[in-house]
Amino acid sequence: MNEKIYKVMQGAGAWNIVLGICAITLGIAGGVLLIISGAKLNASKSKLLF
């Protein structure tokens, strides 16, 4: 009985690590894309007319 509980806990821990790594990767990628798009907007600031 105890072995079954430990196997379930091990599986849950593994999925938590995998999802955490995915979240960090997506966060970094999103941040880089936001910085790049902001830099492009800042570079073309003189061309914008309001």
C-alpha atoms as a PDB file:
ATOM      1  CA  MET A   1       0.000   0.000   0.000  1.00  0.00           C
ATOM      2  CA  ASN A   2       2.744   2.470   0.924  1.00  0.00           C
ATOM      3  CA  GLU A   3       4.650   1.778  -2.291  1.00  0.00           C
ATOM      4  CA  LYS A   4       1.615   2.742  -4.353  1.00  0.00           C
ATOM      5  CA  ILE A   5       1.327   6.074  -2.520  1.00  0.00           C
ATOM      6  CA  TYR A   6       5.006   6.821  -3.087  1.00  0.00           C
ATOM      7  CA  LYS A   7       4.708   6.052  -6.797  1.00  0.00           C
ATOM      8  CA  VAL A   8       1.762   8.450  -7.121  1.00  0.00           C
ATOM      9  CA  MET A   9       3.673  11.144  -5.217  1.00  0.00           C
ATOM     10  CA  GLN A  10       6.739  10.615  -7.411  1.00  0.00           C
ATOM     11  CA  GLY A  11       4.645  11.002 -10.555  1.00  0.00           C
ATOM     12  CA  ALA A  12       3.051  14.186  -9.252  1.00  0.00           C
ATOM     13  CA  GLY A  13       6.454  15.608  -8.350  1.00  0.00           C
ATOM     14  CA  ALA A  14       7.835  14.825 -11.786  1.00  0.00           C
ATOM     15  CA  TRP A  15       4.908  16.558 -13.495  1.00  0.00           C
ATOM     16  CA  ASN A  16       5.347  19.600 -11.253  1.00  0.00           C
ATOM     17  CA  ILE A  17       8.983  19.886 -12.277  1.00  0.00           C
ATOM     18  CA  VAL A  18       8.134  19.498 -15.976  1.00  0.00           C
ATOM     19  CA  LEU A  19       5.365  22.109 -15.831  1.00  0.00           C
ATOM     20  CA  GLY A  20       7.605  24.478 -13.872  1.00  0.00           C
ATOM     21  CA  ILE A  21      10.344  24.257 -16.498  1.00  0.00           C
ATOM     22  CA  CYS A  22       7.785  24.864 -19.254  1.00  0.00           C
ATOM     23  CA  ALA A  23       6.402  27.911 -17.441  1.00  0.00           C
ATOM     24  CA  ILE A  24       9.873  29.395 -16.966  1.00  0.00           C
ATOM     25  CA  THR A  25      10.746  28.785 -20.626  1.00  0.00           C
ATOM     26  CA  LEU A  26       7.526  30.373 -21.880  1.00  0.00           C
ATOM     27  CA  GLY A  27       7.997  33.332 -19.533  1.00  0.00           C
ATOM     28  CA  ILE A  28      11.518  33.996 -20.769  1.00  0.00           C
ATOM     29  CA  ALA A  29      10.474  33.647 -24.415  1.00  0.00           C
ATOM     30  CA  GLY A  30       7.539  36.011 -23.911  1.00  0.00           C
ATOM     31  CA  GLY A  31       9.754  38.550 -22.168  1.00  0.00           C
ATOM     32  CA  VAL A  32      12.308  38.490 -24.979  1.00  0.00           C
ATOM     33  CA  LEU A  33       9.580  38.992 -27.575  1.00  0.00           C
ATOM     34  CA  LEU A  34       8.161  41.942 -25.615  1.00  0.00           C
ATOM     35  CA  ILE A  35      11.605  43.552 -25.348  1.00  0.00           C
ATOM     36  CA  ILE A  36      12.209  43.129 -29.084  1.00  0.00           C
ATOM     37  CA  SER A  37       8.848  44.610 -30.040  1.00  0.00           C
ATOM     38  CA  GLY A  38       9.371  47.507 -27.623  1.00  0.00           C
ATOM     39  CA  ALA A  39      12.780  48.212 -29.121  1.00  0.00           C
ATOM     40  CA  LYS A  40      11.268  48.272 -32.614  1.00  0.00           C
ATOM     41  CA  LEU A  41       8.590  50.725 -31.461  1.00  0.00           C
ATOM     42  CA  ASN A  42      11.195  52.902 -29.788  1.00  0.00           C
ATOM     43  CA  ALA A  43      13.370  52.897 -32.925  1.00  0.00           C
ATOM     44  CA  SER A  44      10.472  53.981 -35.135  1.00  0.00           C
ATOM     45  CA  LYS A  45       9.214  56.619 -32.683  1.00  0.00           C
ATOM     46  CA  SER A  46      10.281  59.499 -34.928  1.00  0.00           C
ATOM     47  CA  LYS A  47       8.198  58.180 -37.834  1.00  0.00           C
ATOM     48  CA  LEU A  48       4.915  58.215 -35.874  1.00  0.00           C
ATOM     49  CA  LEU A  49       2.565  61.175 -36.246  1.00  0.00           C
ATOM     50  CA  PHE A  50      -0.412  61.846 -33.996  1.00  0.00           C
END
